[in-house]
Amino acid sequence: MNDIDPRDDDRGHEDAAVLTDLGRLVHELDPPPVGLVERIQFAIALEHLDVEVARWERAGSFAGVRGDRPGTITFTVDNLTVMVNFTSTGERHRIDGWLVPAGQHTVEVRVADHNSTTTRADDGGRFVLSDVPAGTTQILVHLVNSQGEPGRTVVTPTIML
């Protein structure tokens, strides 16, 4: 058989040292984005809810959210379209939104490290939240059926305001 015992080999320690140095180098040259862990924890917090995730359809001029111009995003899922317009008001944001088909659904805005803000859309599907803090944000639409009973919940992908 083989007379070499791998436990007696110092190469294992050398390999571990090389891998440790490589890990340190990768972390220095290409570190994970700032706040990545917090954004993942924020998204996972919805795990206990039965939600459908809407798709991001159109970004419009979303880059303007960080400047003075408004930005518009449209999200869709099955038979629901959520269009939201973001307007920066200094450190805060105003969100004007529309739901199609329209209905008096509850709209909740979650911002990491802040309390949720909730409003109800009017008969035309329009809703407004005028004092939303900046940060990692998700919009939840809690739909009601034709009898006014709670239905499914739709959540948008996470966006940065």
N, C-alpha and C. Protein backbone atom coordinates (compact mmCIF):
# COMPACT_ATOMS: atom_id res chain seq x y z
N MET A 1 0.82 -1.19 0.00
CA MET A 1 0.00 0.00 0.00
C MET A 1 0.86 1.24 0.00
N ASN A 2 0.26 2.30 0.39
CA ASN A 2 0.94 3.58 0.41
C ASN A 2 1.50 3.81 1.81
N ASP A 3 2.80 4.12 1.87
CA ASP A 3 3.44 4.34 3.17
C ASP A 3 3.32 5.79 3.64
N ILE A 4 2.67 6.67 2.85
CA ILE A 4 2.58 8.09 3.21
C ILE A 4 1.24 8.32 3.93
N ASP A 5 1.33 8.88 5.11
CA ASP A 5 0.14 9.21 5.89
C ASP A 5 -0.17 10.70 5.67
N PRO A 6 -1.34 11.03 5.08
CA PRO A 6 -1.65 12.44 4.80
C PRO A 6 -1.71 13.30 6.05
N ARG A 7 -1.91 12.70 7.21
CA ARG A 7 -1.95 13.49 8.44
C ARG A 7 -0.58 14.01 8.81
N ASP A 8 0.46 13.42 8.25
CA ASP A 8 1.82 13.86 8.54
C ASP A 8 2.30 14.90 7.55
N ASP A 9 1.46 15.26 6.63
CA ASP A 9 1.87 16.16 5.55
C ASP A 9 1.57 17.61 5.93
N ASP A 10 2.58 18.47 5.88
CA ASP A 10 2.40 19.89 6.19
C ASP A 10 1.73 20.66 5.07
N ARG A 11 1.55 20.03 3.90
CA ARG A 11 0.93 20.74 2.79
C ARG A 11 -0.50 21.15 3.12
N GLY A 12 -1.20 20.39 3.95
CA GLY A 12 -2.56 20.77 4.34
C GLY A 12 -2.60 22.11 5.04
N HIS A 13 -1.61 22.38 5.89
CA HIS A 13 -1.52 23.66 6.58
C HIS A 13 -1.16 24.77 5.59
N GLU A 14 -0.27 24.44 4.65
CA GLU A 14 0.10 25.43 3.63
C GLU A 14 -1.10 25.76 2.76
N ASP A 15 -1.89 24.75 2.38
CA ASP A 15 -3.09 24.98 1.56
C ASP A 15 -4.09 25.87 2.30
N ALA A 16 -4.27 25.61 3.58
CA ALA A 16 -5.20 26.42 4.38
C ALA A 16 -4.73 27.87 4.44
N ALA A 17 -3.42 28.07 4.58
CA ALA A 17 -2.87 29.42 4.64
C ALA A 17 -3.07 30.14 3.31
N VAL A 18 -2.85 29.43 2.20
CA VAL A 18 -3.04 30.02 0.87
C VAL A 18 -4.51 30.39 0.67
N LEU A 19 -5.43 29.50 1.05
CA LEU A 19 -6.86 29.79 0.91
C LEU A 19 -7.29 30.96 1.79
N THR A 20 -6.72 31.05 2.98
CA THR A 20 -7.03 32.19 3.86
C THR A 20 -6.56 33.49 3.23
N ASP A 21 -5.33 33.49 2.68
CA ASP A 21 -4.81 34.69 2.01
C ASP A 21 -5.64 35.04 0.78
N LEU A 22 -6.07 34.01 0.02
CA LEU A 22 -6.89 34.24 -1.16
C LEU A 22 -8.24 34.86 -0.77
N GLY A 23 -8.84 34.34 0.30
CA GLY A 23 -10.11 34.89 0.79
C GLY A 23 -9.97 36.34 1.20
N ARG A 24 -8.89 36.68 1.86
CA ARG A 24 -8.64 38.05 2.28
C ARG A 24 -8.45 38.96 1.06
N LEU A 25 -7.74 38.48 0.05
CA LEU A 25 -7.50 39.26 -1.17
C LEU A 25 -8.82 39.52 -1.91
N VAL A 26 -9.65 38.48 -2.05
CA VAL A 26 -10.93 38.64 -2.73
C VAL A 26 -11.80 39.65 -1.98
N HIS A 27 -11.81 39.57 -0.66
CA HIS A 27 -12.61 40.50 0.14
C HIS A 27 -12.13 41.93 -0.03
N GLU A 28 -10.81 42.13 -0.17
CA GLU A 28 -10.26 43.48 -0.35
C GLU A 28 -10.56 44.02 -1.74
N LEU A 29 -10.41 43.18 -2.79
CA LEU A 29 -10.57 43.64 -4.16
C LEU A 29 -12.03 43.67 -4.62
N ASP A 30 -12.87 42.79 -4.10
CA ASP A 30 -14.26 42.73 -4.52
C ASP A 30 -15.16 42.40 -3.32
N PRO A 31 -15.26 43.34 -2.38
CA PRO A 31 -16.04 43.07 -1.18
C PRO A 31 -17.54 43.01 -1.50
N PRO A 32 -18.33 42.37 -0.65
CA PRO A 32 -19.77 42.37 -0.86
C PRO A 32 -20.29 43.81 -0.76
N PRO A 33 -21.36 44.12 -1.47
CA PRO A 33 -21.91 45.49 -1.41
C PRO A 33 -22.29 45.87 0.02
N VAL A 34 -22.14 47.14 0.33
CA VAL A 34 -22.51 47.65 1.65
C VAL A 34 -24.01 47.42 1.85
N GLY A 35 -24.38 46.89 2.98
CA GLY A 35 -25.78 46.68 3.31
C GLY A 35 -26.40 45.43 2.72
N LEU A 36 -25.61 44.57 2.08
CA LEU A 36 -26.15 43.37 1.45
C LEU A 36 -26.85 42.47 2.47
N VAL A 37 -26.23 42.24 3.58
CA VAL A 37 -26.82 41.36 4.60
C VAL A 37 -28.14 41.95 5.09
N GLU A 38 -28.18 43.24 5.34
CA GLU A 38 -29.40 43.89 5.82
C GLU A 38 -30.51 43.80 4.78
N ARG A 39 -30.18 43.97 3.48
CA ARG A 39 -31.20 43.87 2.42
C ARG A 39 -31.75 42.46 2.32
N ILE A 40 -30.89 41.47 2.49
CA ILE A 40 -31.34 40.08 2.45
C ILE A 40 -32.26 39.81 3.63
N GLN A 41 -31.88 40.26 4.81
CA GLN A 41 -32.72 40.05 6.00
C GLN A 41 -34.06 40.76 5.83
N PHE A 42 -34.06 41.94 5.24
CA PHE A 42 -35.29 42.70 4.99
C PHE A 42 -36.22 41.92 4.07
N ALA A 43 -35.68 41.37 2.99
CA ALA A 43 -36.49 40.61 2.04
C ALA A 43 -37.01 39.32 2.65
N ILE A 44 -36.21 38.66 3.46
CA ILE A 44 -36.62 37.40 4.07
C ILE A 44 -37.70 37.62 5.13
N ALA A 45 -37.80 38.80 5.66
CA ALA A 45 -38.80 39.07 6.71
C ALA A 45 -40.22 38.81 6.23
N LEU A 46 -40.45 38.75 4.92
CA LEU A 46 -41.78 38.47 4.36
C LEU A 46 -42.05 36.98 4.26
N GLU A 47 -41.08 36.19 4.66
CA GLU A 47 -41.17 34.74 4.50
C GLU A 47 -42.43 34.15 5.12
N HIS A 48 -42.91 34.71 6.22
CA HIS A 48 -44.07 34.16 6.90
C HIS A 48 -45.39 34.49 6.21
N LEU A 49 -45.37 35.39 5.23
CA LEU A 49 -46.57 35.76 4.50
C LEU A 49 -46.70 34.93 3.22
N ASP A 50 -47.93 34.71 2.81
CA ASP A 50 -48.20 34.07 1.53
C ASP A 50 -48.33 35.19 0.50
N VAL A 51 -47.24 35.47 -0.21
CA VAL A 51 -47.22 36.61 -1.12
C VAL A 51 -46.88 36.17 -2.54
N GLU A 52 -47.31 37.00 -3.48
CA GLU A 52 -46.89 36.85 -4.87
C GLU A 52 -45.96 38.01 -5.18
N VAL A 53 -44.87 37.74 -5.85
CA VAL A 53 -43.91 38.79 -6.17
C VAL A 53 -44.20 39.33 -7.56
N ALA A 54 -44.41 40.64 -7.63
CA ALA A 54 -44.66 41.31 -8.90
C ALA A 54 -43.35 41.46 -9.67
N ARG A 55 -43.47 41.56 -10.98
CA ARG A 55 -42.31 41.79 -11.85
C ARG A 55 -42.16 43.28 -12.13
N TRP A 56 -40.92 43.71 -12.23
CA TRP A 56 -40.60 45.09 -12.56
C TRP A 56 -40.75 45.22 -14.07
N GLU A 57 -41.72 46.01 -14.53
CA GLU A 57 -42.00 46.13 -15.96
C GLU A 57 -41.25 47.26 -16.65
N ARG A 58 -41.34 48.44 -16.07
CA ARG A 58 -40.79 49.60 -16.75
C ARG A 58 -40.21 50.54 -15.71
N ALA A 59 -38.97 50.95 -15.90
CA ALA A 59 -38.30 51.79 -14.91
C ALA A 59 -38.56 53.27 -15.11
N GLY A 60 -38.97 53.71 -16.28
CA GLY A 60 -39.19 55.13 -16.52
C GLY A 60 -37.91 55.90 -16.24
N SER A 61 -38.04 57.02 -15.54
CA SER A 61 -36.87 57.84 -15.21
C SER A 61 -36.52 57.65 -13.74
N PHE A 62 -36.46 56.40 -13.29
CA PHE A 62 -36.26 56.11 -11.88
C PHE A 62 -35.00 56.72 -11.31
N ALA A 63 -34.00 56.96 -12.15
CA ALA A 63 -32.77 57.55 -11.65
C ALA A 63 -33.04 58.90 -11.00
N GLY A 64 -34.11 59.57 -11.41
CA GLY A 64 -34.46 60.87 -10.86
C GLY A 64 -34.89 60.84 -9.41
N VAL A 65 -35.17 59.67 -8.86
CA VAL A 65 -35.60 59.58 -7.47
C VAL A 65 -34.55 60.16 -6.54
N ARG A 66 -33.29 60.01 -6.89
CA ARG A 66 -32.23 60.54 -6.04
C ARG A 66 -31.97 62.01 -6.34
N GLY A 67 -32.57 62.53 -7.39
CA GLY A 67 -32.41 63.94 -7.72
C GLY A 67 -33.70 64.68 -7.47
N ASP A 68 -33.97 65.69 -8.30
CA ASP A 68 -35.16 66.50 -8.11
C ASP A 68 -36.33 66.03 -8.97
N ARG A 69 -36.10 65.18 -9.96
CA ARG A 69 -37.16 64.76 -10.86
C ARG A 69 -37.83 63.50 -10.34
N PRO A 70 -39.13 63.33 -10.64
CA PRO A 70 -39.82 62.12 -10.20
C PRO A 70 -39.38 60.91 -11.00
N GLY A 71 -39.65 59.73 -10.47
CA GLY A 71 -39.37 58.49 -11.16
C GLY A 71 -40.60 57.60 -11.09
N THR A 72 -40.83 56.85 -12.15
CA THR A 72 -42.01 55.99 -12.22
C THR A 72 -41.59 54.56 -12.49
N ILE A 73 -42.22 53.62 -11.78
CA ILE A 73 -41.99 52.20 -12.00
C ILE A 73 -43.34 51.51 -12.11
N THR A 74 -43.43 50.54 -12.99
CA THR A 74 -44.63 49.73 -13.12
C THR A 74 -44.28 48.29 -12.78
N PHE A 75 -45.10 47.68 -11.92
CA PHE A 75 -44.96 46.28 -11.52
C PHE A 75 -46.22 45.54 -11.96
N THR A 76 -46.05 44.28 -12.37
CA THR A 76 -47.21 43.48 -12.74
C THR A 76 -47.10 42.08 -12.16
N VAL A 77 -48.26 41.49 -11.90
CA VAL A 77 -48.38 40.10 -11.51
C VAL A 77 -49.78 39.66 -11.91
N ASP A 78 -49.88 38.54 -12.60
CA ASP A 78 -51.17 38.01 -13.04
C ASP A 78 -52.07 39.13 -13.56
N ASN A 79 -53.17 39.38 -12.84
CA ASN A 79 -54.14 40.37 -13.31
C ASN A 79 -54.06 41.69 -12.53
N LEU A 80 -52.91 42.02 -11.97
CA LEU A 80 -52.75 43.28 -11.24
C LEU A 80 -51.55 44.04 -11.77
N THR A 81 -51.76 45.34 -11.97
CA THR A 81 -50.67 46.25 -12.33
C THR A 81 -50.58 47.31 -11.25
N VAL A 82 -49.37 47.56 -10.78
CA VAL A 82 -49.11 48.58 -9.77
C VAL A 82 -48.16 49.58 -10.39
N MET A 83 -48.62 50.82 -10.57
CA MET A 83 -47.74 51.87 -11.09
C MET A 83 -47.49 52.85 -9.96
N VAL A 84 -46.23 53.14 -9.69
CA VAL A 84 -45.88 54.06 -8.62
C VAL A 84 -44.96 55.15 -9.15
N ASN A 85 -45.18 56.34 -8.66
CA ASN A 85 -44.35 57.49 -9.00
C ASN A 85 -43.70 57.99 -7.71
N PHE A 86 -42.38 58.11 -7.71
CA PHE A 86 -41.63 58.54 -6.54
C PHE A 86 -41.15 59.97 -6.75
N THR A 87 -41.40 60.83 -5.75
CA THR A 87 -40.93 62.20 -5.81
C THR A 87 -40.13 62.47 -4.54
N SER A 88 -38.90 62.90 -4.71
CA SER A 88 -38.05 63.21 -3.57
C SER A 88 -38.50 64.52 -2.94
N THR A 89 -38.63 64.51 -1.61
CA THR A 89 -38.98 65.72 -0.87
C THR A 89 -37.92 65.92 0.21
N GLY A 90 -36.71 66.09 -0.21
CA GLY A 90 -35.58 66.21 0.72
C GLY A 90 -35.13 64.84 1.15
N GLU A 91 -35.14 64.58 2.45
CA GLU A 91 -34.73 63.28 2.99
C GLU A 91 -35.84 62.24 2.86
N ARG A 92 -37.04 62.64 2.51
CA ARG A 92 -38.20 61.75 2.43
C ARG A 92 -38.67 61.65 0.99
N HIS A 93 -39.70 60.82 0.77
CA HIS A 93 -40.26 60.65 -0.57
C HIS A 93 -41.77 60.65 -0.50
N ARG A 94 -42.38 61.07 -1.59
CA ARG A 94 -43.83 60.97 -1.77
C ARG A 94 -44.04 59.88 -2.80
N ILE A 95 -44.97 58.98 -2.50
CA ILE A 95 -45.31 57.91 -3.44
C ILE A 95 -46.76 58.10 -3.87
N ASP A 96 -46.95 58.31 -5.16
CA ASP A 96 -48.28 58.34 -5.77
C ASP A 96 -48.42 57.04 -6.53
N GLY A 97 -49.51 56.32 -6.34
CA GLY A 97 -49.65 55.03 -7.00
C GLY A 97 -51.05 54.79 -7.53
N TRP A 98 -51.11 53.83 -8.46
CA TRP A 98 -52.37 53.43 -9.08
C TRP A 98 -52.39 51.92 -9.22
N LEU A 99 -53.53 51.34 -8.91
CA LEU A 99 -53.73 49.89 -9.04
C LEU A 99 -54.72 49.64 -10.16
N VAL A 100 -54.40 48.68 -11.03
CA VAL A 100 -55.30 48.29 -12.11
C VAL A 100 -55.40 46.77 -12.10
N PRO A 101 -56.59 46.20 -11.95
CA PRO A 101 -57.87 46.89 -11.83
C PRO A 101 -57.98 47.61 -10.50
N ALA A 102 -58.78 48.67 -10.53
CA ALA A 102 -58.94 49.52 -9.35
C ALA A 102 -59.71 48.80 -8.26
N GLY A 103 -59.51 49.24 -7.06
CA GLY A 103 -60.23 48.70 -5.91
C GLY A 103 -59.71 49.30 -4.64
N GLN A 104 -60.47 49.20 -3.58
CA GLN A 104 -60.08 49.76 -2.30
C GLN A 104 -59.20 48.76 -1.55
N HIS A 105 -58.03 48.53 -2.11
CA HIS A 105 -57.08 47.59 -1.53
C HIS A 105 -56.16 48.34 -0.55
N THR A 106 -55.63 47.62 0.43
CA THR A 106 -54.70 48.20 1.39
C THR A 106 -53.30 48.16 0.79
N VAL A 107 -52.61 49.28 0.87
CA VAL A 107 -51.24 49.39 0.35
C VAL A 107 -50.32 49.67 1.53
N GLU A 108 -49.30 48.84 1.67
CA GLU A 108 -48.33 48.97 2.76
C GLU A 108 -46.96 49.21 2.16
N VAL A 109 -46.25 50.18 2.70
CA VAL A 109 -44.87 50.45 2.27
C VAL A 109 -43.96 50.10 3.43
N ARG A 110 -43.03 49.18 3.16
CA ARG A 110 -42.03 48.76 4.15
C ARG A 110 -40.70 49.41 3.79
N VAL A 111 -40.06 50.03 4.76
CA VAL A 111 -38.73 50.61 4.59
C VAL A 111 -37.86 50.05 5.70
N ALA A 112 -36.73 49.49 5.32
CA ALA A 112 -35.82 48.88 6.31
C ALA A 112 -35.50 49.87 7.41
N ASP A 113 -35.50 49.37 8.65
CA ASP A 113 -35.18 50.16 9.84
C ASP A 113 -36.22 51.25 10.15
N HIS A 114 -37.41 51.15 9.58
CA HIS A 114 -38.50 52.09 9.85
C HIS A 114 -39.79 51.31 10.00
N ASN A 115 -40.79 51.94 10.58
CA ASN A 115 -42.10 51.31 10.67
C ASN A 115 -42.76 51.31 9.30
N SER A 116 -43.65 50.34 9.08
CA SER A 116 -44.42 50.30 7.84
C SER A 116 -45.44 51.43 7.84
N THR A 117 -45.78 51.90 6.65
CA THR A 117 -46.81 52.90 6.47
C THR A 117 -47.91 52.28 5.62
N THR A 118 -49.16 52.47 6.02
CA THR A 118 -50.27 51.84 5.34
C THR A 118 -51.30 52.88 4.93
N THR A 119 -51.91 52.67 3.77
CA THR A 119 -53.00 53.50 3.29
C THR A 119 -53.96 52.61 2.52
N ARG A 120 -55.08 53.17 2.12
CA ARG A 120 -56.06 52.43 1.32
C ARG A 120 -56.25 53.15 0.00
N ALA A 121 -56.23 52.38 -1.08
CA ALA A 121 -56.49 52.95 -2.40
C ALA A 121 -57.97 53.34 -2.49
N ASP A 122 -58.26 54.37 -3.27
CA ASP A 122 -59.66 54.78 -3.44
C ASP A 122 -60.35 53.90 -4.49
N ASP A 123 -61.60 54.20 -4.80
CA ASP A 123 -62.37 53.41 -5.76
C ASP A 123 -61.68 53.33 -7.13
N GLY A 124 -60.92 54.37 -7.46
CA GLY A 124 -60.22 54.40 -8.73
C GLY A 124 -58.86 53.73 -8.70
N GLY A 125 -58.48 53.19 -7.54
CA GLY A 125 -57.20 52.50 -7.41
C GLY A 125 -56.04 53.41 -7.07
N ARG A 126 -56.31 54.70 -6.82
CA ARG A 126 -55.24 55.66 -6.53
C ARG A 126 -54.92 55.66 -5.04
N PHE A 127 -53.62 55.77 -4.73
CA PHE A 127 -53.17 55.90 -3.34
C PHE A 127 -51.99 56.85 -3.28
N VAL A 128 -51.82 57.46 -2.10
CA VAL A 128 -50.72 58.41 -1.87
C VAL A 128 -50.14 58.16 -0.49
N LEU A 129 -48.83 58.14 -0.43
CA LEU A 129 -48.09 58.13 0.84
C LEU A 129 -47.12 59.30 0.75
N SER A 130 -47.31 60.29 1.60
CA SER A 130 -46.59 61.54 1.41
C SER A 130 -45.31 61.68 2.22
N ASP A 131 -45.03 60.76 3.14
CA ASP A 131 -43.87 60.95 4.01
C ASP A 131 -43.13 59.62 4.21
N VAL A 132 -42.51 59.13 3.13
CA VAL A 132 -41.82 57.84 3.16
C VAL A 132 -40.32 58.08 3.31
N PRO A 133 -39.69 57.46 4.32
CA PRO A 133 -38.25 57.66 4.51
C PRO A 133 -37.44 56.98 3.39
N ALA A 134 -36.21 57.43 3.24
CA ALA A 134 -35.30 56.81 2.27
C ALA A 134 -34.81 55.49 2.81
N GLY A 135 -34.49 54.58 1.91
CA GLY A 135 -33.93 53.30 2.32
C GLY A 135 -34.42 52.16 1.44
N THR A 136 -34.11 50.95 1.85
CA THR A 136 -34.52 49.75 1.14
C THR A 136 -36.03 49.61 1.32
N THR A 137 -36.77 49.57 0.21
CA THR A 137 -38.22 49.71 0.24
C THR A 137 -38.91 48.60 -0.54
N GLN A 138 -40.05 48.14 -0.03
CA GLN A 138 -40.95 47.23 -0.73
C GLN A 138 -42.36 47.74 -0.56
N ILE A 139 -43.19 47.52 -1.58
CA ILE A 139 -44.60 47.89 -1.53
C ILE A 139 -45.40 46.60 -1.53
N LEU A 140 -46.31 46.48 -0.58
CA LEU A 140 -47.22 45.34 -0.50
C LEU A 140 -48.62 45.82 -0.79
N VAL A 141 -49.35 45.08 -1.61
CA VAL A 141 -50.75 45.37 -1.88
C VAL A 141 -51.54 44.20 -1.34
N HIS A 142 -52.36 44.49 -0.33
CA HIS A 142 -53.22 43.47 0.27
C HIS A 142 -54.57 43.58 -0.42
N LEU A 143 -54.82 42.68 -1.36
CA LEU A 143 -56.03 42.74 -2.16
C LEU A 143 -57.24 42.25 -1.38
N VAL A 144 -58.40 42.80 -1.73
CA VAL A 144 -59.67 42.32 -1.17
C VAL A 144 -60.51 41.80 -2.33
N ASN A 145 -61.33 40.79 -2.07
CA ASN A 145 -62.17 40.24 -3.14
C ASN A 145 -63.44 41.09 -3.29
N SER A 146 -64.32 40.68 -4.17
CA SER A 146 -65.52 41.47 -4.46
C SER A 146 -66.46 41.59 -3.25
N GLN A 147 -66.35 40.69 -2.29
CA GLN A 147 -67.15 40.76 -1.07
C GLN A 147 -66.46 41.59 0.02
N GLY A 148 -65.28 42.14 -0.28
CA GLY A 148 -64.55 42.94 0.69
C GLY A 148 -63.72 42.13 1.66
N GLU A 149 -63.58 40.83 1.40
CA GLU A 149 -62.80 39.96 2.27
C GLU A 149 -61.34 39.95 1.83
N PRO A 150 -60.42 39.74 2.79
CA PRO A 150 -59.00 39.70 2.43
C PRO A 150 -58.71 38.61 1.40
N GLY A 151 -57.87 38.97 0.44
CA GLY A 151 -57.45 38.02 -0.59
C GLY A 151 -55.94 37.84 -0.53
N ARG A 152 -55.35 37.74 -1.67
CA ARG A 152 -53.90 37.52 -1.75
C ARG A 152 -53.14 38.81 -1.49
N THR A 153 -51.85 38.67 -1.25
CA THR A 153 -50.95 39.81 -1.05
C THR A 153 -49.90 39.79 -2.15
N VAL A 154 -49.69 40.95 -2.76
CA VAL A 154 -48.68 41.10 -3.81
C VAL A 154 -47.58 42.01 -3.27
N VAL A 155 -46.33 41.63 -3.50
CA VAL A 155 -45.19 42.44 -3.04
C VAL A 155 -44.32 42.78 -4.24
N THR A 156 -43.79 44.00 -4.24
CA THR A 156 -42.88 44.41 -5.31
C THR A 156 -41.47 43.97 -4.96
N PRO A 157 -40.61 43.88 -5.96
CA PRO A 157 -39.19 43.66 -5.64
C PRO A 157 -38.67 44.84 -4.81
N THR A 158 -37.58 44.63 -4.13
CA THR A 158 -36.98 45.67 -3.30
C THR A 158 -36.39 46.76 -4.17
N ILE A 159 -36.64 48.00 -3.79
CA ILE A 159 -36.06 49.15 -4.48
C ILE A 159 -35.36 50.05 -3.45
N MET A 160 -34.42 50.84 -3.89
CA MET A 160 -33.70 51.76 -3.02
C MET A 160 -34.20 53.17 -3.26
N LEU A 161 -34.76 53.77 -2.22
CA LEU A 161 -35.18 55.17 -2.32
C LEU A 161 -34.16 56.05 -1.64
